[in-house]
N, C-alpha and C. Protein backbone atom coordinates (compact mmCIF):
# COMPACT_ATOMS: atom_id res chain seq x y z
N MET A 1 136.51 39.65 151.39
CA MET A 1 136.77 40.84 150.88
C MET A 1 136.05 41.91 151.43
N TYR A 2 134.72 41.57 151.90
CA TYR A 2 133.81 42.73 152.43
C TYR A 2 133.60 42.35 154.01
N GLY A 3 133.47 43.44 154.66
CA GLY A 3 132.99 43.42 155.96
C GLY A 3 131.48 43.60 155.87
N CYS A 4 130.83 43.43 157.09
CA CYS A 4 129.38 43.55 157.17
C CYS A 4 128.97 44.51 158.27
N VAL A 5 127.89 45.30 158.01
CA VAL A 5 127.38 46.06 159.16
C VAL A 5 125.81 45.70 159.17
N GLU A 6 125.50 44.79 160.13
CA GLU A 6 124.12 44.42 160.34
C GLU A 6 123.24 44.31 159.01
N LEU A 7 123.49 43.34 158.21
CA LEU A 7 122.83 43.16 156.92
C LEU A 7 121.30 42.88 157.32
N GLU A 8 120.44 43.39 156.24
CA GLU A 8 119.08 43.32 156.48
C GLU A 8 118.78 41.71 156.24
N PRO A 9 117.61 41.28 156.65
CA PRO A 9 117.39 39.81 156.53
C PRO A 9 116.93 39.38 155.12
N LEU A 10 117.72 39.55 154.23
CA LEU A 10 117.56 39.17 152.80
C LEU A 10 118.16 37.54 152.62
N GLU A 11 117.40 37.07 151.58
CA GLU A 11 117.76 35.79 151.40
C GLU A 11 119.28 35.63 150.92
N TYR A 12 119.93 34.57 151.42
CA TYR A 12 121.36 34.50 151.28
C TYR A 12 121.79 34.64 149.67
N HIS A 13 121.06 34.16 148.86
CA HIS A 13 121.55 34.23 147.38
C HIS A 13 121.27 35.67 146.87
N ILE A 14 120.45 36.39 147.50
CA ILE A 14 120.51 37.91 147.02
C ILE A 14 121.70 38.64 147.42
N ILE A 15 122.06 38.33 148.90
CA ILE A 15 123.28 38.95 149.30
C ILE A 15 124.44 38.59 148.47
N GLU A 16 124.66 37.41 148.13
CA GLU A 16 125.69 36.83 147.33
C GLU A 16 125.62 37.32 145.96
N LYS A 17 124.39 37.71 145.34
CA LYS A 17 124.47 38.28 144.11
C LYS A 17 125.01 39.71 144.15
N ILE A 18 124.59 40.44 145.26
CA ILE A 18 124.95 41.76 145.42
C ILE A 18 126.73 41.85 145.37
N LYS A 19 127.16 40.96 146.20
CA LYS A 19 128.40 40.82 146.43
C LYS A 19 129.15 40.54 145.07
N ALA A 20 128.66 39.72 144.19
CA ALA A 20 129.17 39.42 142.87
C ALA A 20 128.98 40.60 141.99
N PHE A 21 128.01 41.49 142.13
CA PHE A 21 127.90 42.52 141.34
C PHE A 21 128.92 43.67 141.69
N LEU A 22 129.19 43.74 142.87
CA LEU A 22 130.21 44.63 143.51
C LEU A 22 131.54 44.34 142.93
N ASN A 23 131.85 42.93 143.01
CA ASN A 23 133.15 42.49 142.58
C ASN A 23 133.32 42.82 141.11
N GLU A 24 132.27 42.53 140.28
CA GLU A 24 132.25 42.83 138.65
C GLU A 24 132.52 44.34 138.57
N ASP A 25 131.83 45.09 139.24
CA ASP A 25 131.76 46.60 139.15
C ASP A 25 133.14 47.13 139.59
N ILE A 26 133.71 46.70 140.62
CA ILE A 26 134.83 47.38 141.36
C ILE A 26 136.05 46.79 140.55
N GLY A 27 136.16 45.44 140.39
CA GLY A 27 137.24 44.70 139.74
C GLY A 27 138.45 44.92 140.60
N TYR A 28 139.45 45.59 139.92
CA TYR A 28 140.72 45.79 140.68
C TYR A 28 140.69 47.22 141.37
N GLY A 29 139.64 47.79 141.45
CA GLY A 29 139.51 49.00 142.39
C GLY A 29 139.30 50.24 141.26
N ASP A 30 139.11 51.34 141.95
CA ASP A 30 138.77 52.59 141.37
C ASP A 30 140.09 53.47 141.34
N ILE A 31 140.84 53.54 140.41
CA ILE A 31 142.11 54.17 140.31
C ILE A 31 141.95 55.75 140.66
N THR A 32 140.94 56.28 140.28
CA THR A 32 140.77 57.74 140.46
C THR A 32 140.28 57.98 142.00
N SER A 33 139.55 57.22 142.54
CA SER A 33 139.15 57.36 143.94
C SER A 33 140.46 57.09 144.72
N GLU A 34 141.26 55.97 144.41
CA GLU A 34 142.43 55.50 145.18
C GLU A 34 143.46 56.63 145.18
N THR A 35 143.60 57.34 143.96
CA THR A 35 144.62 58.28 143.84
C THR A 35 144.29 59.77 144.55
N LEU A 36 142.91 60.05 144.38
CA LEU A 36 142.52 61.46 144.89
C LEU A 36 141.87 61.51 146.29
N ILE A 37 141.40 60.33 146.74
CA ILE A 37 140.71 60.42 148.10
C ILE A 37 141.46 59.51 149.16
N PRO A 38 141.85 60.20 150.27
CA PRO A 38 142.54 59.54 151.41
C PRO A 38 141.73 58.39 151.85
N PRO A 39 142.37 57.37 152.26
CA PRO A 39 141.54 56.19 152.65
C PRO A 39 140.67 56.57 154.08
N GLU A 40 141.21 57.42 154.71
CA GLU A 40 140.58 57.85 155.97
C GLU A 40 139.32 58.90 155.85
N GLN A 41 139.25 59.37 154.57
CA GLN A 41 138.23 60.38 154.31
C GLN A 41 136.81 59.83 154.46
N MET A 42 135.99 60.29 155.40
CA MET A 42 134.62 60.01 155.54
C MET A 42 133.73 60.77 154.71
N ALA A 43 132.51 60.29 154.39
CA ALA A 43 131.60 61.05 153.55
C ALA A 43 130.15 60.70 154.09
N LYS A 44 129.24 61.52 153.53
CA LYS A 44 127.70 61.17 153.73
C LYS A 44 127.13 61.43 152.46
N GLY A 45 126.09 60.64 152.05
CA GLY A 45 125.46 60.92 150.85
C GLY A 45 123.96 60.57 151.28
N ARG A 46 123.13 61.12 150.21
CA ARG A 46 121.73 60.69 150.43
C ARG A 46 121.24 60.30 149.01
N LEU A 47 120.23 59.32 149.06
CA LEU A 47 119.58 58.86 147.90
C LEU A 47 118.14 59.38 147.87
N TYR A 48 117.90 59.99 146.70
CA TYR A 48 116.43 60.64 146.45
C TYR A 48 116.12 60.41 145.06
N PHE A 49 114.84 60.50 144.79
CA PHE A 49 114.29 60.41 143.33
C PHE A 49 114.17 62.02 142.92
N LYS A 50 114.49 62.01 141.47
CA LYS A 50 114.42 63.31 140.94
C LYS A 50 112.90 63.76 140.60
N GLU A 51 112.08 62.59 140.57
CA GLU A 51 110.57 62.80 140.23
C GLU A 51 109.87 62.02 141.37
N PRO A 52 108.52 62.43 141.52
CA PRO A 52 107.69 61.67 142.37
C PRO A 52 107.56 60.17 141.99
N GLY A 53 107.49 59.13 142.96
CA GLY A 53 107.51 57.79 142.73
C GLY A 53 107.15 57.06 143.97
N ILE A 54 107.19 55.73 143.62
CA ILE A 54 107.02 54.81 144.73
C ILE A 54 108.32 53.96 144.83
N VAL A 55 108.73 53.83 146.07
CA VAL A 55 109.96 53.26 146.56
C VAL A 55 110.04 51.83 146.35
N SER A 56 111.10 51.30 145.95
CA SER A 56 111.23 49.82 145.65
C SER A 56 112.73 49.59 145.55
N GLY A 57 113.14 48.42 146.26
CA GLY A 57 114.72 48.05 146.16
C GLY A 57 115.40 48.75 147.25
N LEU A 58 114.75 49.38 148.23
CA LEU A 58 115.65 50.14 149.23
C LEU A 58 116.45 49.28 150.08
N VAL A 59 115.98 47.97 150.53
CA VAL A 59 116.75 47.15 151.31
C VAL A 59 117.92 46.65 150.57
N GLU A 60 117.63 46.41 149.21
CA GLU A 60 118.82 45.90 148.51
C GLU A 60 119.86 46.87 148.37
N VAL A 61 119.39 48.16 148.18
CA VAL A 61 120.39 49.42 148.15
C VAL A 61 121.14 49.55 149.29
N ALA A 62 120.44 49.44 150.49
CA ALA A 62 121.17 49.57 151.68
C ALA A 62 122.08 48.49 151.95
N THR A 63 121.74 47.27 151.54
CA THR A 63 122.68 46.17 151.73
C THR A 63 123.99 46.34 150.90
N VAL A 64 123.80 46.98 149.80
CA VAL A 64 125.16 47.39 149.00
C VAL A 64 126.06 48.02 149.86
N PHE A 65 125.58 49.15 150.44
CA PHE A 65 126.56 49.97 151.39
C PHE A 65 126.86 49.36 152.62
N LYS A 66 125.96 48.55 153.26
CA LYS A 66 126.31 47.83 154.27
C LYS A 66 127.38 46.82 154.15
N ILE A 67 127.46 46.06 152.98
CA ILE A 67 128.54 45.27 152.68
C ILE A 67 129.86 46.03 152.47
N LEU A 68 129.75 47.39 152.22
CA LEU A 68 131.06 48.09 152.14
C LEU A 68 131.40 48.80 153.49
N ASN A 69 130.72 48.31 154.45
CA ASN A 69 131.07 48.94 155.81
C ASN A 69 130.56 50.28 156.03
N CYS A 70 129.42 50.71 155.31
CA CYS A 70 128.85 52.09 155.60
C CYS A 70 127.55 51.87 156.59
N SER A 71 127.30 52.96 157.17
CA SER A 71 126.00 52.91 158.02
C SER A 71 124.95 53.54 157.12
N VAL A 72 123.65 52.98 157.32
CA VAL A 72 122.56 53.38 156.61
C VAL A 72 121.26 54.03 157.63
N GLU A 73 120.86 55.04 157.12
CA GLU A 73 119.63 55.51 157.83
C GLU A 73 118.32 55.56 156.93
N TYR A 74 117.33 54.90 157.16
CA TYR A 74 116.28 54.93 156.44
C TYR A 74 115.33 56.10 156.60
N HIS A 75 114.85 56.58 155.62
CA HIS A 75 113.81 57.83 155.77
C HIS A 75 112.54 57.35 155.09
N LYS A 76 112.61 56.28 154.22
CA LYS A 76 111.36 55.66 153.64
C LYS A 76 111.36 54.28 153.52
N LYS A 77 110.32 53.64 153.24
CA LYS A 77 110.36 52.08 153.24
C LYS A 77 109.65 51.82 151.69
N ASP A 78 110.13 50.58 151.39
CA ASP A 78 109.61 50.10 149.98
C ASP A 78 108.09 50.23 150.12
N SER A 79 107.53 50.48 148.92
CA SER A 79 106.05 50.74 148.54
C SER A 79 105.55 52.07 149.16
N GLU A 80 106.30 52.92 149.72
CA GLU A 80 105.80 54.19 150.13
C GLU A 80 105.87 55.14 148.89
N ARG A 81 105.16 56.02 148.77
CA ARG A 81 105.13 57.13 147.91
C ARG A 81 106.27 58.20 148.32
N THR A 82 106.89 58.89 147.34
CA THR A 82 107.92 59.88 147.80
C THR A 82 107.76 61.05 146.69
N GLU A 83 108.15 62.16 147.15
CA GLU A 83 108.12 63.37 146.15
C GLU A 83 109.62 63.63 145.66
N ALA A 84 109.49 64.45 144.67
CA ALA A 84 110.82 64.64 144.11
C ALA A 84 111.73 65.33 145.08
N GLY A 85 113.07 64.87 145.35
CA GLY A 85 113.88 65.59 146.28
C GLY A 85 113.82 64.96 147.70
N GLU A 86 112.82 64.21 147.97
CA GLU A 86 112.80 63.76 149.37
C GLU A 86 113.67 62.51 149.59
N THR A 87 114.45 62.75 150.69
CA THR A 87 115.54 61.68 151.19
C THR A 87 114.80 60.27 151.31
N LEU A 88 115.35 59.34 150.85
CA LEU A 88 114.98 57.86 151.00
C LEU A 88 115.91 57.36 151.97
N LEU A 89 117.15 57.57 151.78
CA LEU A 89 118.22 56.95 152.56
C LEU A 89 119.35 57.84 152.85
N THR A 90 120.04 57.84 153.91
CA THR A 90 121.30 58.57 154.25
C THR A 90 122.37 57.45 154.37
N VAL A 91 123.45 57.60 153.70
CA VAL A 91 124.59 56.74 153.97
C VAL A 91 125.76 57.35 154.43
N ARG A 92 126.45 56.80 155.40
CA ARG A 92 127.72 57.33 155.89
C ARG A 92 128.72 56.39 156.03
N GLY A 93 129.97 56.75 155.57
CA GLY A 93 131.10 55.86 155.73
C GLY A 93 132.30 56.32 154.96
N PRO A 94 133.34 55.52 154.71
CA PRO A 94 134.47 55.96 153.86
C PRO A 94 134.03 56.50 152.55
N ALA A 95 134.61 57.50 152.14
CA ALA A 95 134.21 58.10 150.79
C ALA A 95 134.48 57.04 149.77
N ARG A 96 135.49 56.37 149.79
CA ARG A 96 135.80 55.59 148.76
C ARG A 96 134.69 54.52 148.62
N ALA A 97 134.16 54.05 149.77
CA ALA A 97 133.14 52.92 149.76
C ALA A 97 131.81 53.50 149.30
N LEU A 98 131.52 54.74 149.55
CA LEU A 98 130.30 55.31 149.02
C LEU A 98 130.41 55.38 147.52
N LEU A 99 131.59 55.68 146.86
CA LEU A 99 131.67 55.95 145.54
C LEU A 99 131.67 54.48 144.86
N ARG A 100 132.27 53.47 145.52
CA ARG A 100 132.22 52.00 145.09
C ARG A 100 130.77 51.51 144.96
N GLY A 101 129.98 51.77 145.86
CA GLY A 101 128.54 51.40 145.89
C GLY A 101 127.70 52.23 145.00
N GLU A 102 128.00 53.49 144.78
CA GLU A 102 127.13 54.27 144.09
C GLU A 102 126.40 53.80 142.88
N ARG A 103 127.14 53.32 141.90
CA ARG A 103 126.52 52.86 140.62
C ARG A 103 125.81 51.74 140.79
N LEU A 104 126.15 50.80 141.57
CA LEU A 104 125.10 49.50 141.72
C LEU A 104 123.98 50.07 142.39
N ALA A 105 123.92 50.94 143.48
CA ALA A 105 122.85 51.30 144.21
C ALA A 105 121.95 51.91 143.16
N LEU A 106 122.46 52.85 142.47
CA LEU A 106 121.44 53.68 141.44
C LEU A 106 120.94 52.66 140.48
N ASN A 107 121.66 51.65 139.95
CA ASN A 107 121.26 50.61 139.06
C ASN A 107 120.08 49.86 139.52
N ILE A 108 120.11 49.67 140.96
CA ILE A 108 119.14 48.75 141.62
C ILE A 108 117.78 49.64 141.69
N ILE A 109 118.06 50.78 142.24
CA ILE A 109 116.92 51.74 142.56
C ILE A 109 116.14 52.43 141.41
N GLY A 110 116.98 52.51 140.35
CA GLY A 110 116.54 53.26 139.18
C GLY A 110 115.79 52.38 138.12
């Protein structure tokens, strides 16, 4: 069901769990995205904290988007401090894929 773009060296069971979470969240698809967003529409998004904090779970978040065939650019690493609004990760790919992965990514990082 999913393609891959150079997955991080996570343990196999973690990658499988992320795929299971995506399947659970997506189910039969997102009718709103599929109706309103053309399949060829590309998008870019950035992940950031609203408040200062310490980064954790970034590799897992990146894996969510890589499973959905998006490219990921890291700006921070796990255990680094970050300020409010500072970009942690930039994601590029099909708009539908970014929307599919958004909720799970926010649940992991938040």
